[in-house]
Structures are given as structure tokens and as C-alpha cells.
Protein backbone atom coordinates (compact mmCIF):
# COMPACT_ATOMS: atom_id res chain seq x y z
CA UNK A 1 12.31 118.92 83.33
CA UNK A 2 10.20 119.84 80.13
CA UNK A 3 12.36 119.43 76.66
CA UNK A 4 12.17 122.44 74.36
CA UNK A 5 11.53 121.03 70.80
CA UNK A 6 13.58 122.84 68.05
CA UNK A 7 11.58 123.22 64.93
CA UNK A 8 12.50 123.98 61.11
CA UNK A 9 9.76 125.43 58.78
CA UNK A 10 9.86 124.47 55.27
CA UNK A 11 7.86 127.05 53.12
CA UNK A 12 7.19 130.43 54.60
CA UNK A 13 4.41 131.62 52.59
CA UNK A 14 0.72 132.08 53.72
CA UNK A 15 -0.17 128.79 55.59
CA UNK A 16 2.96 129.13 57.38
CA UNK A 17 2.21 133.04 58.62
CA UNK A 18 -1.59 132.45 58.71
CA UNK A 19 -1.30 129.36 60.77
CA UNK A 20 1.70 127.47 61.69
CA UNK A 21 3.96 130.10 63.12
CA UNK A 22 1.47 132.14 65.04
CA UNK A 23 0.27 129.00 66.79
CA UNK A 24 3.54 127.68 67.39
CA UNK A 25 4.82 130.69 68.86
CA UNK A 26 2.04 130.57 71.83
CA UNK A 27 3.84 127.23 73.17
CA UNK A 28 6.41 127.56 75.74
CA UNK A 29 8.27 124.16 74.82
CA UNK A 30 8.99 124.95 71.34
CA UNK A 31 11.91 127.08 69.45
CA UNK A 32 11.57 128.39 65.81
CA UNK A 33 15.00 127.61 65.00
CA UNK A 34 15.30 127.41 61.04
CA UNK A 35 13.08 128.98 58.01
CA UNK A 36 13.63 127.77 54.52
CA UNK A 37 11.81 129.27 51.11
CA UNK A 38 12.68 129.41 47.64
CA UNK A 39 12.15 133.03 48.22
CA UNK A 40 15.11 134.16 50.65
CA UNK A 41 13.15 137.18 51.50
CA UNK A 42 10.26 135.26 52.65
CA UNK A 43 12.29 132.89 55.05
CA UNK A 44 13.98 136.18 56.50
CA UNK A 45 11.04 138.03 57.20
CA UNK A 46 9.62 135.00 59.33
CA UNK A 47 12.72 134.46 60.85
CA UNK A 48 12.73 138.01 62.05
CA UNK A 49 9.43 137.99 63.20
CA UNK A 50 8.96 134.39 64.79
CA UNK A 51 12.22 132.88 65.18
CA UNK A 52 14.69 132.58 68.08
CA UNK A 53 17.78 135.09 67.99
CA UNK A 54 20.44 133.63 65.67
CA UNK A 55 17.70 131.63 63.70
CA UNK A 56 18.78 130.27 60.29
CA UNK A 57 17.26 130.86 57.13
CA UNK A 58 18.00 128.82 54.00
CA UNK A 59 16.70 128.38 50.41
CA UNK A 60 17.46 125.04 49.99
CA UNK A 61 15.72 122.66 52.37
CA UNK A 62 18.13 119.86 52.07
CA UNK A 63 20.58 122.20 54.07
CA UNK A 64 18.33 122.68 56.84
CA UNK A 65 17.63 118.96 57.27
CA UNK A 66 21.41 118.29 57.82
CA UNK A 67 20.92 120.43 61.13
CA UNK A 68 21.07 117.31 63.58
CA UNK A 69 19.73 119.75 66.43
CA UNK A 70 16.17 120.22 64.60
CA UNK A 71 13.47 117.73 66.19
CA UNK A 72 10.53 118.85 63.85
CA UNK A 73 10.21 119.94 60.69
CA UNK A 74 6.96 121.56 59.22
CA UNK A 75 6.19 121.10 55.56
CA UNK A 76 4.08 124.37 54.36
CA UNK A 77 5.12 123.96 50.38
CA UNK A 78 2.91 123.34 47.19
CA UNK A 79 1.29 119.90 47.10
CA UNK A 80 4.05 118.25 44.45
CA UNK A 81 6.73 118.85 46.95
CA UNK A 82 4.82 117.54 50.08
CA UNK A 83 6.10 113.74 49.96
CA UNK A 84 9.59 114.59 48.71
CA UNK A 85 10.39 117.06 51.67
CA UNK A 86 8.63 114.79 54.23
CA UNK A 87 10.19 111.76 53.54
CA UNK A 88 13.78 113.45 53.52
CA UNK A 89 12.99 114.82 56.92
CA UNK A 90 11.75 111.75 58.39
CA UNK A 91 14.78 109.84 56.78
CA UNK A 92 16.86 112.77 58.97
CA UNK A 93 15.38 111.82 62.25
CA UNK A 94 12.83 114.43 62.48
CA UNK A 95 9.50 114.22 63.43
CA UNK A 96 7.07 115.88 60.42
CA UNK A 97 3.88 117.79 60.31
CA UNK A 98 3.05 118.06 56.49
CA UNK A 99 0.41 120.53 55.40
CA UNK A 100 -2.93 119.05 53.82
CA UNK A 101 -3.61 117.40 51.34
CA UNK A 102 -0.91 114.60 52.50
CA UNK A 103 0.57 114.67 48.85
CA UNK A 104 -0.07 115.30 45.49
CA UNK A 105 -0.78 111.45 44.49
CA UNK A 106 -1.87 108.38 46.41
CA UNK A 107 1.52 106.67 45.83
CA UNK A 108 3.33 109.39 47.50
CA UNK A 109 0.89 109.26 50.34
CA UNK A 110 1.72 105.34 50.88
CA UNK A 111 5.33 106.05 50.42
CA UNK A 112 5.16 108.80 53.13
CA UNK A 113 3.11 106.37 55.61
CA UNK A 114 5.83 103.53 54.87
CA UNK A 115 9.00 106.54 55.64
CA UNK A 116 7.29 107.06 58.88
CA UNK A 117 7.05 103.43 60.05
CA UNK A 118 10.63 102.96 58.85
CA UNK A 119 11.88 106.00 60.71
CA UNK A 120 9.92 105.79 63.92
CA UNK A 121 9.44 109.20 64.16
CA UNK A 122 6.03 111.11 64.05
CA UNK A 123 4.39 112.15 61.10
CA UNK A 124 0.84 114.13 60.89
CA UNK A 125 -1.13 116.02 58.34
CA UNK A 126 -2.65 119.69 58.79
CA UNK A 127 -6.21 118.93 59.09
CA UNK A 128 -6.95 121.89 61.31
CA UNK A 129 -10.88 121.75 61.03
CA UNK A 130 -10.82 118.51 63.57
CA UNK A 131 -9.93 120.95 66.26
CA UNK A 132 -12.91 123.22 66.07
CA UNK A 133 -15.33 123.30 68.82
CA UNK A 134 -17.93 122.14 66.65
CA UNK A 135 -16.23 119.31 65.23
CA UNK A 136 -14.67 118.29 68.70
CA UNK A 137 -17.95 118.01 70.28
CA UNK A 138 -19.50 116.19 67.05
CA UNK A 139 -16.72 113.76 67.50
CA UNK A 140 -17.49 112.98 70.94
CA UNK A 141 -21.23 112.51 70.23
CA UNK A 142 -20.28 109.67 67.49
CA UNK A 143 -18.03 108.01 69.80
CA UNK A 144 -20.80 107.73 72.24
CA UNK A 145 -22.83 106.07 69.88
CA UNK A 146 -25.74 108.82 70.06
CA UNK A 147 -25.98 108.60 66.13
CA UNK A 148 -25.85 104.76 66.14
CA UNK A 149 -24.41 103.30 62.54
CA UNK A 150 -23.70 106.41 60.40
CA UNK A 151 -24.41 104.90 57.01
CA UNK A 152 -24.94 107.94 54.90
CA UNK A 153 -22.92 111.54 54.98
CA UNK A 154 -22.24 114.43 52.95
CA UNK A 155 -19.12 116.25 52.85
CA UNK A 156 -19.56 120.07 52.24
CA UNK A 157 -16.86 122.28 50.54
CA UNK A 158 -18.88 124.70 48.40
CA UNK A 159 -17.88 128.39 47.70
CA UNK A 160 -20.10 130.35 45.22
CA UNK A 161 -17.42 132.57 44.26
CA UNK A 162 -14.25 132.30 45.96
CA UNK A 163 -11.34 131.40 43.64
CA UNK A 164 -7.71 131.82 45.25
CA UNK A 165 -6.12 133.77 42.41
CA UNK A 166 -2.37 133.94 44.16
CA UNK A 167 0.21 131.27 44.55
CA UNK A 168 0.13 128.04 42.56
CA UNK A 169 -3.64 127.09 43.47
CA UNK A 170 -4.63 127.08 39.61
CA UNK A 171 -1.62 125.34 38.40
CA UNK A 172 -2.53 121.71 38.26
CA UNK A 173 0.98 120.49 37.86
CA UNK A 174 1.97 121.79 41.42
CA UNK A 175 -1.10 121.27 42.96
CA UNK A 176 -2.78 118.07 41.50
CA UNK A 177 -6.11 119.62 41.04
CA UNK A 178 -8.54 122.45 42.41
CA UNK A 179 -11.02 122.65 44.89
CA UNK A 180 -11.42 118.66 45.49
CA UNK A 181 -7.54 118.55 46.53
CA UNK A 182 -7.86 122.05 48.37
CA UNK A 183 -11.12 122.49 50.32
CA UNK A 184 -12.86 119.23 49.38
CA UNK A 185 -9.87 117.15 51.12
CA UNK A 186 -11.06 118.99 54.53
CA UNK A 187 -14.39 118.12 54.29
CA UNK A 188 -13.71 114.56 53.23
CA UNK A 189 -11.09 114.28 56.41
CA UNK A 190 -13.90 115.77 58.42
CA UNK A 191 -16.79 113.35 57.17
CA UNK A 192 -14.37 109.93 57.58
CA UNK A 193 -13.10 110.88 61.23
CA UNK A 194 -16.51 111.16 62.33
CA UNK A 195 -17.61 108.09 60.73
CA UNK A 196 -14.32 106.39 61.98
CA UNK A 197 -14.46 104.53 58.77
CA UNK A 198 -11.62 104.46 56.56
CA UNK A 199 -12.15 101.46 53.95
CA UNK A 200 -13.70 102.45 51.06
CA UNK A 201 -14.67 100.06 48.21
CA UNK A 202 -15.60 102.06 45.27
CA UNK A 203 -15.67 105.83 43.84
CA UNK A 204 -17.61 107.76 41.24
CA UNK A 205 -16.79 111.22 40.28
CA UNK A 206 -17.26 113.92 38.31
CA UNK A 207 -15.50 117.54 37.55
CA UNK A 208 -16.29 120.39 35.63
CA UNK A 209 -14.86 123.57 33.97
CA UNK A 210 -18.13 125.50 33.46
CA UNK A 211 -17.23 128.78 34.95
CA UNK A 212 -13.28 128.59 35.06
CA UNK A 213 -12.89 130.29 31.46
CA UNK A 214 -14.88 133.47 31.96
CA UNK A 215 -13.47 136.52 31.70
CA UNK A 216 -13.70 139.54 34.65
CA UNK A 217 -15.81 137.17 36.42
CA UNK A 218 -17.26 137.99 40.05
CA UNK A 219 -14.89 136.66 42.70
CA UNK A 220 -14.16 137.18 46.30
CA UNK A 221 -10.28 137.82 45.44
CA UNK A 222 -10.75 139.70 42.17
CA UNK A 223 -11.24 138.41 38.71
CA UNK A 224 -9.09 134.88 37.62
CA UNK A 225 -7.11 134.84 34.62
CA UNK A 226 -8.93 131.93 32.61
CA UNK A 227 -5.21 131.18 30.84
CA UNK A 228 -3.89 130.15 34.22
CA UNK A 229 -6.96 128.44 35.57
CA UNK A 230 -5.81 124.69 34.70
CA UNK A 231 -7.79 122.93 37.38
CA UNK A 232 -11.31 122.27 37.82
CA UNK A 233 -13.74 124.72 39.23
CA UNK A 234 -15.83 122.00 40.68
CA UNK A 235 -15.70 118.45 41.50
CA UNK A 236 -18.18 115.91 43.09
CA UNK A 237 -17.78 112.38 44.11
CA UNK A 238 -19.82 109.38 45.57
CA UNK A 239 -18.05 106.89 47.97
CA UNK A 240 -19.42 103.50 48.84
CA UNK A 241 -17.52 101.96 52.06
CA UNK A 242 -16.73 98.50 52.44
CA UNK A 243 -19.61 98.07 55.23
CA UNK A 244 -21.97 99.60 52.58
CA UNK A 245 -22.18 103.47 54.19
CA UNK A 246 -22.59 106.12 51.46
CA UNK A 247 -20.62 109.36 51.29
CA UNK A 248 -21.04 112.17 48.98
CA UNK A 249 -18.64 114.88 48.61
CA UNK A 250 -19.06 118.24 47.02
CA UNK A 251 -16.38 120.52 46.27
CA UNK A 252 -16.30 123.94 44.48
CA UNK A 253 -14.84 127.39 44.16
CA UNK A 254 -17.31 128.70 41.80
CA UNK A 255 -20.60 127.68 41.19
CA UNK A 256 -24.06 129.37 41.07
CA UNK A 257 -25.32 128.15 44.45
CA UNK A 258 -26.58 129.71 47.81
CA UNK A 259 -26.10 126.44 49.38
CA UNK A 260 -22.60 127.27 50.54
CA UNK A 261 -20.71 125.38 53.27
CA UNK A 262 -17.08 124.80 53.62
CA UNK A 263 -15.30 122.07 55.65
CA UNK A 264 -18.52 120.77 57.21
CA UNK A 265 -20.27 117.46 57.09
CA UNK A 266 -23.94 116.20 57.59
CA UNK A 267 -24.26 112.56 58.83
CA UNK A 268 -27.43 110.16 59.11
CA UNK A 269 -27.14 107.49 61.36
CA UNK A 270 -29.33 104.72 62.81
CA UNK A 271 -30.26 106.26 65.87
CA UNK A 272 -30.00 110.06 64.96
CA UNK A 273 -28.38 112.69 62.78
CA UNK A 274 -26.16 115.67 62.86
CA UNK A 275 -25.19 118.58 60.50
CA UNK A 276 -22.96 121.69 60.78
CA UNK A 277 -24.76 124.11 58.87
CA UNK A 278 -25.33 127.18 60.72
CA UNK A 279 -24.07 125.76 63.72
CA UNK A 280 -23.94 122.35 65.18
CA UNK A 281 -27.73 120.40 65.13
CA UNK A 282 -28.49 117.06 66.27
CA UNK A 283 -31.56 115.20 65.61
CA UNK A 284 -33.30 112.13 66.27
CA UNK A 285 -36.49 110.59 67.87
CA UNK A 286 -37.37 110.22 71.38
CA UNK A 287 -40.45 108.78 73.01
CA UNK A 288 -42.42 108.68 69.83
CA UNK A 289 -41.56 112.22 68.76
CA UNK A 290 -39.04 113.82 66.67
CA UNK A 291 -36.48 116.22 68.16
CA UNK A 292 -33.68 118.92 66.96
CA UNK A 293 -31.33 120.27 69.24
CA UNK A 294 -29.08 122.93 68.70
CA UNK A 295 -25.80 122.52 70.53
CA UNK A 296 -24.35 126.19 72.56
CA UNK A 297 -20.46 126.16 71.67
CA UNK A 298 -20.19 129.94 73.13
CA UNK A 299 -19.13 128.54 76.67
CA UNK A 300 -17.08 125.13 78.24
CA UNK A 301 -13.65 124.06 77.09
CA UNK A 302 -10.41 124.68 78.70
CA UNK A 303 -7.77 127.37 77.41
CA UNK A 304 -4.34 125.85 76.93
CA UNK A 305 -2.58 129.87 76.77
CA UNK A 306 -3.48 131.67 79.80
CA UNK A 307 -4.48 135.25 78.62
CA UNK A 308 -4.55 134.33 74.78
CA UNK A 309 -7.28 133.45 72.68
CA UNK A 310 -7.45 129.88 71.56
CA UNK A 311 -8.01 129.15 67.78
CA UNK A 312 -8.48 125.67 66.41
CA UNK A 313 -4.59 125.86 65.05
CA UNK A 314 -3.80 126.61 68.37
CA UNK A 315 -5.11 123.66 69.75
CA UNK A 316 -3.58 121.48 66.68
CA UNK A 317 -0.28 122.81 67.34
CA UNK A 318 -0.41 122.09 70.98
CA UNK A 319 -2.06 118.39 70.38
CA UNK A 320 0.98 117.71 67.92
CA UNK A 321 3.73 118.60 70.14
CA UNK A 322 2.19 116.69 73.08
CA UNK A 323 2.01 113.91 71.00
CA UNK A 324 5.63 113.89 70.48
CA UNK A 325 6.51 114.72 74.25
CA UNK A 326 4.29 112.10 75.50
CA UNK A 327 4.73 109.37 72.65
CA UNK A 328 1.13 109.49 71.66
CA UNK A 329 -0.87 109.01 68.46
CA UNK A 330 -1.25 112.26 66.46
CA UNK A 331 -4.86 113.15 66.28
CA UNK A 332 -4.30 112.97 62.55
CA UNK A 333 -2.67 109.78 61.94
CA UNK A 334 -0.74 109.50 58.45
CA UNK A 335 -2.99 106.34 57.82
CA UNK A 336 -6.19 108.35 57.83
CA UNK A 337 -4.72 111.07 55.53
CA UNK A 338 -3.63 108.49 53.29
CA UNK A 339 -7.11 107.07 52.74
CA UNK A 340 -8.18 110.65 51.78
CA UNK A 341 -5.61 110.88 49.28
CA UNK A 342 -6.40 107.56 47.70
CA UNK A 343 -10.22 108.60 47.63
CA UNK A 344 -9.39 111.96 46.16
CA UNK A 345 -7.43 110.80 43.31
CA UNK A 346 -9.84 108.15 42.73
CA UNK A 347 -12.73 110.94 41.90
CA UNK A 348 -10.33 112.24 39.40
CA UNK A 349 -9.44 108.91 37.96
CA UNK A 350 -13.44 108.35 37.75
CA UNK A 351 -13.77 111.96 36.25
CA UNK A 352 -11.29 111.07 33.77
CA UNK A 353 -12.34 107.83 32.69
CA UNK A 354 -16.32 108.14 33.22
CA UNK A 355 -16.18 104.55 35.16
CA UNK A 356 -16.16 103.97 38.77
CA UNK A 357 -13.06 103.18 40.38
CA UNK A 358 -12.65 100.18 42.89
CA UNK A 359 -10.17 100.44 45.85
CA UNK A 360 -8.20 97.78 47.74
CA UNK A 361 -8.96 95.02 45.27
């Protein structure tokens, strides 16, 4: 008989209600038994909507972790507390899903990797864009060798004007950075995963505050307060891998550009190329002629939830619980997520010093 996994939620804000809780609630082998938030009302509302009868509510995550019946903890808090809470949960003998980015600093990310190894529990990070239909299909193409050796790639995370003005997104102390660590992290994760290359050699980065200090600026979510805009508005990086492959990472919340794309990648290999701009396209040469193929993603695939629409987050949660139930390696491993954090930190360091940062030396 299948086990029912008891889950505790730490952080009941936007990402919990917009992603984790709706998708977890579709699974029939989990129970949402505990909710924690610094704002008690948020935890109470989440418990009332998604929790089992008698679900417990906390304002202190250490109290939630004392509950030995909880199997899994989802850490959905600001970046600065990801490592602290995740490590404590692992040490409390619980599996952990932590939202992206893995941690505020690379050192904290490495500590999380070690804590997972020591505990023997599973740890994953919420890079949900891997679970989109186009991402899943492109990964199969890469694994089949259709593109050959992928030696050049672009990681796209560009918004023309979409600065998040709520929560702590503009607070460098709590987040560790702006668009690079917020949306650039998704694009970089997706790109490295497609390349199956997690050995960076050297990183060069730049960051900008060109638009952040403007008053009454046009923005999707209303004007931002320049006094509170403490993070970059744009950041860019070039990463050279140990095998010589090059990755260009672009990230911005506010930039004067019409070339906008988010959580997408473009790949160039020895046998073919691919990009996700406006859909999934594969390009190459066949019988002496060039070809471009647009992949139809409107059909195919199997729904995991009878009678319910399946989203990328639904698949993410299904695969996560399945990894625990069947002792499988999570789709996003902590080691992979740690490399993403190391590269992001190197871009920030390079931007600060004006020098290239060499890794793994």
C-alpha cells in the first residue's frame, strides 16, 4: 500500500500559493499538515484552503521541524533564509524542496549539498522551467545527440519593464541580488541542464543600475520606488566551461529592448542548433541543405491527473514525490543547483571587481 507523505510548508507567500500548494493539492499521496509564516494570517489562510483537517500553523519554523511525523518540508522563503531552514530541515530527518535560487551565497549552497549527503535525505531546488513541454522535449533532443557537441549557448532572461515591486525583491540584503539571481537563475539552470555541463572554468560579468533610479517609470506592476531599488536592474555574464564551451547569460527586469524572452535558451552544437524563441525550433543541415524545424508541442504527453489540467509545476511536484517514493534521483539535483549559484556569485563578483573570476582552481 502506497505511503501518504506529510508535508510542511515554510513560507506561505506568493510562490507557495501560486505554485506549490495548488500542484501539491492535486496529488493523492500527500497531505499538507503544517504551515509556517512570519505573518500568522498567511499561514492560517493557506492551512484553511489547502491543509488537512487539523493542520497546524506556526510562526517559527523550528517548532514545525520538531514534528517527527512530517516527511517533507518545502522552503518557500526569501533567499537569505533558504540555506538556514533547509539545513535545519535535513538535520531534522526530512526531505527538502527549496525554492530557487538554492541559496543567497555559493558557500551556503555548498553547505546544503553537504547537509543532504550527511542526512541521507533528498534535497531538490525549484527550477520548474525544466518541466515545461518545450524543455522536456528539447532535453530529449539533446540527450539523443541530435545537436552534437553543444559548444555555444545563450541563457535568456530579459523583461522590457517588469520589475517586481512587492515583497523583498528589491532588497539586496534579503535576496542577494536582482534579476540575475531572480530570473537569470532559471535561464542559466535550463541552459546548463540542456548542455549537461556543470564544470565552469572562468566567468566575466557586468551589472547595471541604468533605469532603477528613475521616478514614475513605466512598469508592468506600477512604478517602483527608487529609494527601495537596491539591486541591479540588469546583469550579464559570459561563462567559459572547462571543455571550452561558452555560455552567455543575459538578465534584466528593465531594459530598453524589444528582444525579450524569459527562462529560455538558445543552443549551438556541432550537428545542429535549437532555440525557444516563439516556440521550439531545431536547425541543422541535411543532404547538403539547411533546415529549420518547428516542433509542434500542442499534442502528445500523458496527463498525470485525471480530469485536471497539468502544468509544469504539476509535473515538478509529481516527479519530486515520485523520487522520494521510489528512491530516485530528483530531476534537479543539489549539486547542479549549487553550480548555478556558484556561477551567479562569480558574475556578481566580476561585476564588482572588473576582473574575471576563475572557478575550481
